[in-house]
Amino acid sequence: MHPKYKTAEERREARLKTKKESYARRRVQEQAKSRTRWRRRRGAATNTQELLQRLDDLWLELGYRGGTLQYEFLESHGLSIVMEVDREGWDKH
């Protein structure tokens, strides 16, 4: 069986790449947890929190990343719609 990487430099580069990918993935997860905690402290209903989490997941799957103008636009407009529904009640919509 041949080694996956032939040189120590290739192994090092592969480890660094994996670490960076893992860090980026964990960062996105921690940001999502932080948003959930913030929404809970702001008094969002459980249904609202679940919907916003689904929207977050959808936006991230589509390639939007937190901190970008596109993501901020989606978040602010999506949040305002959800807040309106939350105020009026889920049963009306």
PDB file of N, CA and C in Angstrom:
ATOM      1  N   MET A   1       0.832  -1.173   0.000  1.00  0.00           N
ATOM      2  CA  MET A   1       0.000   0.000   0.000  1.00  0.00           C
ATOM      3  C   MET A   1       0.881   1.243   0.000  1.00  0.00           C
ATOM      4  N   HIS A   2       0.539   2.173  -0.862  1.00  0.00           N
ATOM      5  CA  HIS A   2       1.320   3.399  -0.978  1.00  0.00           C
ATOM      6  C   HIS A   2       0.817   4.447   0.006  1.00  0.00           C
ATOM      7  N   PRO A   3       1.734   5.236   0.535  1.00  0.00           N
ATOM      8  CA  PRO A   3       1.284   6.298   1.446  1.00  0.00           C
ATOM      9  C   PRO A   3       0.435   7.330   0.697  1.00  0.00           C
ATOM     10  N   LYS A   4      -0.509   7.905   1.393  1.00  0.00           N
ATOM     11  CA  LYS A   4      -1.409   8.879   0.777  1.00  0.00           C
ATOM     12  C   LYS A   4      -0.640  10.118   0.338  1.00  0.00           C
ATOM     13  N   TYR A   5       0.270  10.570   1.183  1.00  0.00           N
ATOM     14  CA  TYR A   5       1.080  11.742   0.864  1.00  0.00           C
ATOM     15  C   TYR A   5       2.538  11.300   0.840  1.00  0.00           C
ATOM     16  N   LYS A   6       3.231  11.713  -0.183  1.00  0.00           N
ATOM     17  CA  LYS A   6       4.594  11.234  -0.365  1.00  0.00           C
ATOM     18  C   LYS A   6       5.618  11.993   0.468  1.00  0.00           C
ATOM     19  N   THR A   7       5.335  13.249   0.752  1.00  0.00           N
ATOM     20  CA  THR A   7       6.320  14.033   1.501  1.00  0.00           C
ATOM     21  C   THR A   7       5.712  14.567   2.794  1.00  0.00           C
ATOM     22  N   ALA A   8       6.592  14.941   3.688  1.00  0.00           N
ATOM     23  CA  ALA A   8       6.152  15.533   4.952  1.00  0.00           C
ATOM     24  C   ALA A   8       5.437  16.854   4.694  1.00  0.00           C
ATOM     25  N   GLU A   9       5.869  17.584   3.697  1.00  0.00           N
ATOM     26  CA  GLU A   9       5.232  18.864   3.355  1.00  0.00           C
ATOM     27  C   GLU A   9       3.794  18.652   2.889  1.00  0.00           C
ATOM     28  N   GLU A  10       3.561  17.628   2.085  1.00  0.00           N
ATOM     29  CA  GLU A  10       2.195  17.317   1.638  1.00  0.00           C
ATOM     30  C   GLU A  10       1.307  16.942   2.823  1.00  0.00           C
ATOM     31  N   ARG A  11       1.847  16.158   3.743  1.00  0.00           N
ATOM     32  CA  ARG A  11       1.091  15.785   4.943  1.00  0.00           C
ATOM     33  C   ARG A  11       0.758  17.018   5.780  1.00  0.00           C
ATOM     34  N   ARG A  12       1.734  17.889   5.938  1.00  0.00           N
ATOM     35  CA  ARG A  12       1.533  19.115   6.706  1.00  0.00           C
ATOM     36  C   ARG A  12       0.453  19.983   6.065  1.00  0.00           C
ATOM     37  N   GLU A  13       0.525  20.167   4.761  1.00  0.00           N
ATOM     38  CA  GLU A  13      -0.470  20.981   4.046  1.00  0.00           C
ATOM     39  C   GLU A  13      -1.872  20.378   4.169  1.00  0.00           C
ATOM     40  N   ALA A  14      -1.969  19.064   4.102  1.00  0.00           N
ATOM     41  CA  ALA A  14      -3.270  18.399   4.233  1.00  0.00           C
ATOM     42  C   ALA A  14      -3.834  18.601   5.636  1.00  0.00           C
ATOM     43  N   ARG A  15      -2.971  18.501   6.661  1.00  0.00           N
ATOM     44  CA  ARG A  15      -3.422  18.739   8.035  1.00  0.00           C
ATOM     45  C   ARG A  15      -3.905  20.167   8.222  1.00  0.00           C
ATOM     46  N   LEU A  16      -3.165  21.127   7.686  1.00  0.00           N
ATOM     47  CA  LEU A  16      -3.560  22.527   7.801  1.00  0.00           C
ATOM     48  C   LEU A  16      -4.895  22.786   7.096  1.00  0.00           C
ATOM     49  N   LYS A  17      -5.063  22.205   5.937  1.00  0.00           N
ATOM     50  CA  LYS A  17      -6.315  22.372   5.191  1.00  0.00           C
ATOM     51  C   LYS A  17      -7.486  21.803   5.989  1.00  0.00           C
ATOM     52  N   THR A  18      -7.301  20.622   6.566  1.00  0.00           N
ATOM     53  CA  THR A  18      -8.352  19.995   7.357  1.00  0.00           C
ATOM     54  C   THR A  18      -8.678  20.832   8.596  1.00  0.00           C
ATOM     55  N   LYS A  19      -7.652  21.363   9.245  1.00  0.00           N
ATOM     56  CA  LYS A  19      -7.865  22.206  10.427  1.00  0.00           C
ATOM     57  C   LYS A  19      -8.662  23.455  10.064  1.00  0.00           C
ATOM     58  N   LYS A  20      -8.316  24.083   8.951  1.00  0.00           N
ATOM     59  CA  LYS A  20      -9.021  25.293   8.527  1.00  0.00           C
ATOM     60  C   LYS A  20     -10.482  24.989   8.207  1.00  0.00           C
ATOM     61  N   GLU A  21     -10.735  23.887   7.532  1.00  0.00           N
ATOM     62  CA  GLU A  21     -12.111  23.509   7.204  1.00  0.00           C
ATOM     63  C   GLU A  21     -12.907  23.215   8.477  1.00  0.00           C
ATOM     64  N   SER A  22     -12.289  22.516   9.402  1.00  0.00           N
ATOM     65  CA  SER A  22     -12.946  22.192  10.665  1.00  0.00           C
ATOM     66  C   SER A  22     -13.234  23.461  11.457  1.00  0.00           C
ATOM     67  N   TYR A  23     -12.283  24.377  11.505  1.00  0.00           N
ATOM     68  CA  TYR A  23     -12.475  25.637  12.211  1.00  0.00           C
ATOM     69  C   TYR A  23     -13.629  26.425  11.592  1.00  0.00           C
ATOM     70  N   ALA A  24     -13.680  26.489  10.275  1.00  0.00           N
ATOM     71  CA  ALA A  24     -14.744  27.228   9.594  1.00  0.00           C
ATOM     72  C   ALA A  24     -16.109  26.609   9.885  1.00  0.00           C
ATOM     73  N   ARG A  25     -16.181  25.293   9.875  1.00  0.00           N
ATOM     74  CA  ARG A  25     -17.434  24.591  10.149  1.00  0.00           C
ATOM     75  C   ARG A  25     -17.892  24.852  11.593  1.00  0.00           C
ATOM     76  N   ARG A  26     -16.971  24.770  12.530  1.00  0.00           N
ATOM     77  CA  ARG A  26     -17.309  25.020  13.940  1.00  0.00           C
ATOM     78  C   ARG A  26     -17.709  26.472  14.161  1.00  0.00           C
ATOM     79  N   ARG A  27     -17.070  27.371  13.459  1.00  0.00           N
ATOM     80  CA  ARG A  27     -17.395  28.791  13.592  1.00  0.00           C
ATOM     81  C   ARG A  27     -18.840  29.045  13.162  1.00  0.00           C
ATOM     82  N   VAL A  28     -19.248  28.468  12.049  1.00  0.00           N
ATOM     83  CA  VAL A  28     -20.628  28.614  11.576  1.00  0.00           C
ATOM     84  C   VAL A  28     -21.598  28.022  12.597  1.00  0.00           C
ATOM     85  N   GLN A  29     -21.261  26.862  13.152  1.00  0.00           N
ATOM     86  CA  GLN A  29     -22.125  26.234  14.153  1.00  0.00           C
ATOM     87  C   GLN A  29     -22.250  27.100  15.400  1.00  0.00           C
ATOM     88  N   GLU A  30     -21.146  27.661  15.861  1.00  0.00           N
ATOM     89  CA  GLU A  30     -21.171  28.499  17.060  1.00  0.00           C
ATOM     90  C   GLU A  30     -21.936  29.794  16.817  1.00  0.00           C
ATOM     91  N   GLN A  31     -21.828  30.339  15.610  1.00  0.00           N
ATOM     92  CA  GLN A  31     -22.597  31.546  15.291  1.00  0.00           C
ATOM     93  C   GLN A  31     -24.095  31.246  15.310  1.00  0.00           C
ATOM     94  N   ALA A  32     -24.481  30.093  14.797  1.00  0.00           N
ATOM     95  CA  ALA A  32     -25.894  29.706  14.806  1.00  0.00           C
ATOM     96  C   ALA A  32     -26.389  29.544  16.244  1.00  0.00           C
ATOM     97  N   LYS A  33     -25.591  28.922  17.103  1.00  0.00           N
ATOM     98  CA  LYS A  33     -25.975  28.770  18.509  1.00  0.00           C
ATOM     99  C   LYS A  33     -26.117  30.134  19.177  1.00  0.00           C
ATOM    100  N   SER A  34     -25.204  31.031  18.857  1.00  0.00           N
ATOM    101  CA  SER A  34     -25.243  32.366  19.437  1.00  0.00           C
ATOM    102  C   SER A  34     -26.509  33.105  19.020  1.00  0.00           C
ATOM    103  N   ARG A  35     -26.877  33.013  17.743  1.00  0.00           N
ATOM    104  CA  ARG A  35     -28.106  33.651  17.278  1.00  0.00           C
ATOM    105  C   ARG A  35     -29.329  33.069  17.978  1.00  0.00           C
ATOM    106  N   THR A  36     -29.328  31.756  18.191  1.00  0.00           N
ATOM    107  CA  THR A  36     -30.450  31.108  18.879  1.00  0.00           C
ATOM    108  C   THR A  36     -30.570  31.618  20.309  1.00  0.00           C
ATOM    109  N   ARG A  37     -29.452  31.704  21.017  1.00  0.00           N
ATOM    110  CA  ARG A  37     -29.475  32.217  22.392  1.00  0.00           C
ATOM    111  C   ARG A  37     -29.947  33.666  22.422  1.00  0.00           C
ATOM    112  N   TRP A  38     -29.481  34.483  21.469  1.00  0.00           N
ATOM    113  CA  TRP A  38     -29.876  35.887  21.408  1.00  0.00           C
ATOM    114  C   TRP A  38     -31.382  36.004  21.182  1.00  0.00           C
ATOM    115  N   ARG A  39     -31.906  35.215  20.263  1.00  0.00           N
ATOM    116  CA  ARG A  39     -33.341  35.259  19.979  1.00  0.00           C
ATOM    117  C   ARG A  39     -34.153  34.827  21.199  1.00  0.00           C
ATOM    118  N   ARG A  40     -33.666  33.832  21.903  1.00  0.00           N
ATOM    119  CA  ARG A  40     -34.366  33.363  23.104  1.00  0.00           C
ATOM    120  C   ARG A  40     -34.390  34.465  24.168  1.00  0.00           C
ATOM    121  N   ARG A  41     -33.256  35.131  24.363  1.00  0.00           N
ATOM    122  CA  ARG A  41     -33.195  36.224  25.345  1.00  0.00           C
ATOM    123  C   ARG A  41     -34.092  37.386  24.943  1.00  0.00           C
ATOM    124  N   ARG A  42     -34.268  37.593  23.655  1.00  0.00           N
ATOM    125  CA  ARG A  42     -35.126  38.681  23.171  1.00  0.00           C
ATOM    126  C   ARG A  42     -36.604  38.327  23.287  1.00  0.00           C
ATOM    127  N   GLY A  43     -36.899  37.105  23.683  1.00  0.00           N
ATOM    128  CA  GLY A  43     -38.280  36.717  23.931  1.00  0.00           C
ATOM    129  C   GLY A  43     -38.989  36.080  22.760  1.00  0.00           C
ATOM    130  N   ALA A  44     -38.258  35.598  21.781  1.00  0.00           N
ATOM    131  CA  ALA A  44     -38.897  34.951  20.635  1.00  0.00           C
ATOM    132  C   ALA A  44     -39.582  33.661  21.085  1.00  0.00           C
ATOM    133  N   ALA A  45     -40.771  33.425  20.553  1.00  0.00           N
ATOM    134  CA  ALA A  45     -41.507  32.206  20.862  1.00  0.00           C
ATOM    135  C   ALA A  45     -40.753  30.996  20.304  1.00  0.00           C
ATOM    136  N   THR A  46     -41.033  29.841  20.842  1.00  0.00           N
ATOM    137  CA  THR A  46     -40.356  28.619  20.400  1.00  0.00           C
ATOM    138  C   THR A  46     -40.568  28.379  18.911  1.00  0.00           C
ATOM    139  N   ASN A  47     -41.801  28.566  18.436  1.00  0.00           N
ATOM    140  CA  ASN A  47     -42.073  28.380  16.995  1.00  0.00           C
ATOM    141  C   ASN A  47     -41.243  29.342  16.159  1.00  0.00           C
ATOM    142  N   THR A  48     -41.106  30.558  16.630  1.00  0.00           N
ATOM    143  CA  THR A  48     -40.319  31.558  15.911  1.00  0.00           C
ATOM    144  C   THR A  48     -38.853  31.143  15.877  1.00  0.00           C
ATOM    145  N   GLN A  49     -38.347  30.689  17.002  1.00  0.00           N
ATOM    146  CA  GLN A  49     -36.949  30.257  17.053  1.00  0.00           C
ATOM    147  C   GLN A  49     -36.697  29.115  16.081  1.00  0.00           C
ATOM    148  N   GLU A  50     -37.625  28.162  16.034  1.00  0.00           N
ATOM    149  CA  GLU A  50     -37.467  27.020  15.132  1.00  0.00           C
ATOM    150  C   GLU A  50     -37.508  27.464  13.672  1.00  0.00           C
ATOM    151  N   LEU A  51     -38.423  28.379  13.348  1.00  0.00           N
ATOM    152  CA  LEU A  51     -38.505  28.869  11.973  1.00  0.00           C
ATOM    153  C   LEU A  51     -37.240  29.616  11.583  1.00  0.00           C
ATOM    154  N   LEU A  52     -36.754  30.474  12.470  1.00  0.00           N
ATOM    155  CA  LEU A  52     -35.533  31.220  12.167  1.00  0.00           C
ATOM    156  C   LEU A  52     -34.337  30.288  12.017  1.00  0.00           C
ATOM    157  N   GLN A  53     -34.297  29.231  12.797  1.00  0.00           N
ATOM    158  CA  GLN A  53     -33.201  28.271  12.658  1.00  0.00           C
ATOM    159  C   GLN A  53     -33.273  27.590  11.298  1.00  0.00           C
ATOM    160  N   ARG A  54     -34.489  27.246  10.859  1.00  0.00           N
ATOM    161  CA  ARG A  54     -34.649  26.639   9.532  1.00  0.00           C
ATOM    162  C   ARG A  54     -34.239  27.616   8.442  1.00  0.00           C
ATOM    163  N   LEU A  55     -34.577  28.906   8.601  1.00  0.00           N
ATOM    164  CA  LEU A  55     -34.153  29.913   7.629  1.00  0.00           C
ATOM    165  C   LEU A  55     -32.634  30.048   7.616  1.00  0.00           C
ATOM    166  N   ASP A  56     -32.018  30.084   8.803  1.00  0.00           N
ATOM    167  CA  ASP A  56     -30.552  30.135   8.884  1.00  0.00           C
ATOM    168  C   ASP A  56     -29.933  28.965   8.128  1.00  0.00           C
ATOM    169  N   ASP A  57     -30.446  27.764   8.388  1.00  0.00           N
ATOM    170  CA  ASP A  57     -29.915  26.566   7.729  1.00  0.00           C
ATOM    171  C   ASP A  57     -30.061  26.666   6.216  1.00  0.00           C
ATOM    172  N   LEU A  58     -31.222  27.134   5.768  1.00  0.00           N
ATOM    173  CA  LEU A  58     -31.463  27.273   4.332  1.00  0.00           C
ATOM    174  C   LEU A  58     -30.499  28.271   3.711  1.00  0.00           C
ATOM    175  N   TRP A  59     -30.348  29.436   4.350  1.00  0.00           N
ATOM    176  CA  TRP A  59     -29.454  30.451   3.806  1.00  0.00           C
ATOM    177  C   TRP A  59     -28.018  29.947   3.738  1.00  0.00           C
ATOM    178  N   LEU A  60     -27.586  29.222   4.764  1.00  0.00           N
ATOM    179  CA  LEU A  60     -26.226  28.701   4.761  1.00  0.00           C
ATOM    180  C   LEU A  60     -26.043  27.630   3.695  1.00  0.00           C
ATOM    181  N   GLU A  61     -27.077  26.788   3.491  1.00  0.00           N
ATOM    182  CA  GLU A  61     -27.002  25.775   2.443  1.00  0.00           C
ATOM    183  C   GLU A  61     -26.903  26.422   1.072  1.00  0.00           C
ATOM    184  N   LEU A  62     -27.542  27.576   0.899  1.00  0.00           N
ATOM    185  CA  LEU A  62     -27.503  28.281  -0.374  1.00  0.00           C
ATOM    186  C   LEU A  62     -26.191  29.025  -0.584  1.00  0.00           C
ATOM    187  N   GLY A  63     -25.353  29.041   0.438  1.00  0.00           N
ATOM    188  CA  GLY A  63     -24.037  29.646   0.291  1.00  0.00           C
ATOM    189  C   GLY A  63     -23.889  31.016   0.899  1.00  0.00           C
ATOM    190  N   TYR A  64     -24.940  31.528   1.529  1.00  0.00           N
ATOM    191  CA  TYR A  64     -24.820  32.824   2.191  1.00  0.00           C
ATOM    192  C   TYR A  64     -24.058  32.640   3.492  1.00  0.00           C
ATOM    193  N   ARG A  65     -23.172  33.550   3.793  1.00  0.00           N
ATOM    194  CA  ARG A  65     -22.379  33.471   5.005  1.00  0.00           C
ATOM    195  C   ARG A  65     -22.651  34.683   5.877  1.00  0.00           C
ATOM    196  N   GLY A  66     -22.680  34.451   7.170  1.00  0.00           N
ATOM    197  CA  GLY A  66     -22.891  35.537   8.112  1.00  0.00           C
ATOM    198  C   GLY A  66     -21.855  36.632   7.917  1.00  0.00           C
ATOM    199  N   GLY A  67     -22.294  37.870   8.097  1.00  0.00           N
ATOM    200  CA  GLY A  67     -21.382  39.000   7.948  1.00  0.00           C
ATOM    201  C   GLY A  67     -21.366  39.595   6.555  1.00  0.00           C
ATOM    202  N   THR A  68     -21.970  38.927   5.576  1.00  0.00           N
ATOM    203  CA  THR A  68     -22.022  39.477   4.225  1.00  0.00           C
ATOM    204  C   THR A  68     -23.282  40.323   4.075  1.00  0.00           C
ATOM    205  N   LEU A  69     -23.273  41.228   3.128  1.00  0.00           N
ATOM    206  CA  LEU A  69     -24.429  42.091   2.898  1.00  0.00           C
ATOM    207  C   LEU A  69     -25.665  41.281   2.515  1.00  0.00           C
ATOM    208  N   GLN A  70     -25.477  40.250   1.689  1.00  0.00           N
ATOM    209  CA  GLN A  70     -26.607  39.421   1.273  1.00  0.00           C
ATOM    210  C   GLN A  70     -27.243  38.735   2.470  1.00  0.00           C
ATOM    211  N   TYR A  71     -26.426  38.181   3.328  1.00  0.00           N
ATOM    212  CA  TYR A  71     -26.947  37.474   4.495  1.00  0.00           C
ATOM    213  C   TYR A  71     -27.653  38.443   5.430  1.00  0.00           C
ATOM    214  N   GLU A  72     -27.054  39.612   5.648  1.00  0.00           N
ATOM    215  CA  GLU A  72     -27.663  40.605   6.527  1.00  0.00           C
ATOM    216  C   GLU A  72     -29.023  41.051   5.975  1.00  0.00           C
ATOM    217  N   PHE A  73     -29.112  41.209   4.656  1.00  0.00           N
ATOM    218  CA  PHE A  73     -30.381  41.589   4.038  1.00  0.00           C
ATOM    219  C   PHE A  73     -31.425  40.492   4.251  1.00  0.00           C
ATOM    220  N   LEU A  74     -31.052  39.256   3.961  1.00  0.00           N
ATOM    221  CA  LEU A  74     -31.979  38.142   4.161  1.00  0.00           C
ATOM    222  C   LEU A  74     -32.412  38.034   5.616  1.00  0.00           C
ATOM    223  N   GLU A  75     -31.453  38.175   6.516  1.00  0.00           N
ATOM    224  CA  GLU A  75     -31.768  38.035   7.932  1.00  0.00           C
ATOM    225  C   GLU A  75     -32.716  39.132   8.401  1.00  0.00           C
ATOM    226  N   SER A  76     -32.432  40.374   8.013  1.00  0.00           N
ATOM    227  CA  SER A  76     -33.270  41.474   8.494  1.00  0.00           C
ATOM    228  C   SER A  76     -34.680  41.393   7.919  1.00  0.00           C
ATOM    229  N   HIS A  77     -34.814  41.091   6.634  1.00  0.00           N
ATOM    230  CA  HIS A  77     -36.142  41.011   6.034  1.00  0.00           C
ATOM    231  C   HIS A  77     -36.888  39.767   6.509  1.00  0.00           C
ATOM    232  N   GLY A  78     -36.200  38.661   6.576  1.00  0.00           N
ATOM    233  CA  GLY A  78     -36.826  37.438   7.075  1.00  0.00           C
ATOM    234  C   GLY A  78     -37.255  37.584   8.522  1.00  0.00           C
ATOM    235  N   LEU A  79     -36.397  38.229   9.306  1.00  0.00           N
ATOM    236  CA  LEU A  79     -36.706  38.426  10.716  1.00  0.00           C
ATOM    237  C   LEU A  79     -37.913  39.340  10.888  1.00  0.00           C
ATOM    238  N   SER A  80     -38.017  40.394  10.085  1.00  0.00           N
ATOM    239  CA  SER A  80     -39.159  41.304  10.229  1.00  0.00           C
ATOM    240  C   SER A  80     -40.465  40.599   9.879  1.00  0.00           C
ATOM    241  N   ILE A  81     -40.448  39.750   8.867  1.00  0.00           N
ATOM    242  CA  ILE A  81     -41.654  39.001   8.498  1.00  0.00           C
ATOM    243  C   ILE A  81     -42.045  38.036   9.613  1.00  0.00           C
ATOM    244  N   VAL A  82     -41.067  37.318  10.133  1.00  0.00           N
ATOM    245  CA  VAL A  82     -41.340  36.350  11.197  1.00  0.00           C
ATOM    246  C   VAL A  82     -41.818  37.061  12.461  1.00  0.00           C
ATOM    247  N   MET A  83     -41.235  38.212  12.778  1.00  0.00           N
ATOM    248  CA  MET A  83     -41.660  38.954  13.966  1.00  0.00           C
ATOM    249  C   MET A  83     -43.115  39.415  13.821  1.00  0.00           C
ATOM    250  N   GLU A  84     -43.491  39.829  12.616  1.00  0.00           N
ATOM    251  CA  GLU A  84     -44.869  40.247  12.383  1.00  0.00           C
ATOM    252  C   GLU A  84     -45.832  39.082  12.581  1.00  0.00           C
ATOM    253  N   VAL A  85     -45.471  37.936  12.033  1.00  0.00           N
ATOM    254  CA  VAL A  85     -46.299  36.748  12.212  1.00  0.00           C
ATOM    255  C   VAL A  85     -46.357  36.366  13.683  1.00  0.00           C
ATOM    256  N   ASP A  86     -45.230  36.477  14.369  1.00  0.00           N
ATOM    257  CA  ASP A  86     -45.180  36.130  15.789  1.00  0.00           C
ATOM    258  C   ASP A  86     -46.090  37.049  16.608  1.00  0.00           C
ATOM    259  N   ARG A  87     -46.096  38.335  16.282  1.00  0.00           N
ATOM    260  CA  ARG A  87     -46.948  39.292  16.996  1.00  0.00           C
ATOM    261  C   ARG A  87     -48.426  39.001  16.753  1.00  0.00           C
ATOM    262  N   GLU A  88     -48.787  38.703  15.503  1.00  0.00           N
ATOM    263  CA  GLU A  88     -50.189  38.487  15.154  1.00  0.00           C
ATOM    264  C   GLU A  88     -50.672  37.098  15.561  1.00  0.00           C
ATOM    265  N   GLY A  89     -49.758  36.190  15.668  1.00  0.00           N
ATOM    266  CA  GLY A  89     -50.124  34.826  16.062  1.00  0.00           C
ATOM    267  C   GLY A  89     -50.027  33.878  14.884  1.00  0.00           C
ATOM    268  N   TRP A  90     -49.555  32.681  15.170  1.00  0.00           N
ATOM    269  CA  TRP A  90     -49.337  31.668  14.129  1.00  0.00           C
ATOM    270  C   TRP A  90     -50.637  31.145  13.552  1.00  0.00           C
ATOM    271  N   ASP A  91     -51.684  31.133  14.340  1.00  0.00           N
ATOM    272  CA  ASP A  91     -52.934  30.549  13.871  1.00  0.00           C
ATOM    273  C   ASP A  91     -53.605  31.386  12.791  1.00  0.00           C
ATOM    274  N   LYS A  92     -53.324  32.667  12.739  1.00  0.00           N
ATOM    275  CA  LYS A  92     -53.944  33.532  11.751  1.00  0.00           C
ATOM    276  C   LYS A  92     -53.333  33.351  10.371  1.00  0.00           C
ATOM    277  N   HIS A  93     -52.123  32.809  10.283  1.00  0.00           N
ATOM    278  CA  HIS A  93     -51.428  32.712   8.992  1.00  0.00           C
ATOM    279  C   HIS A  93     -51.323  31.305   8.524  1.00  0.00           C
TER     280      HIS A  93
END
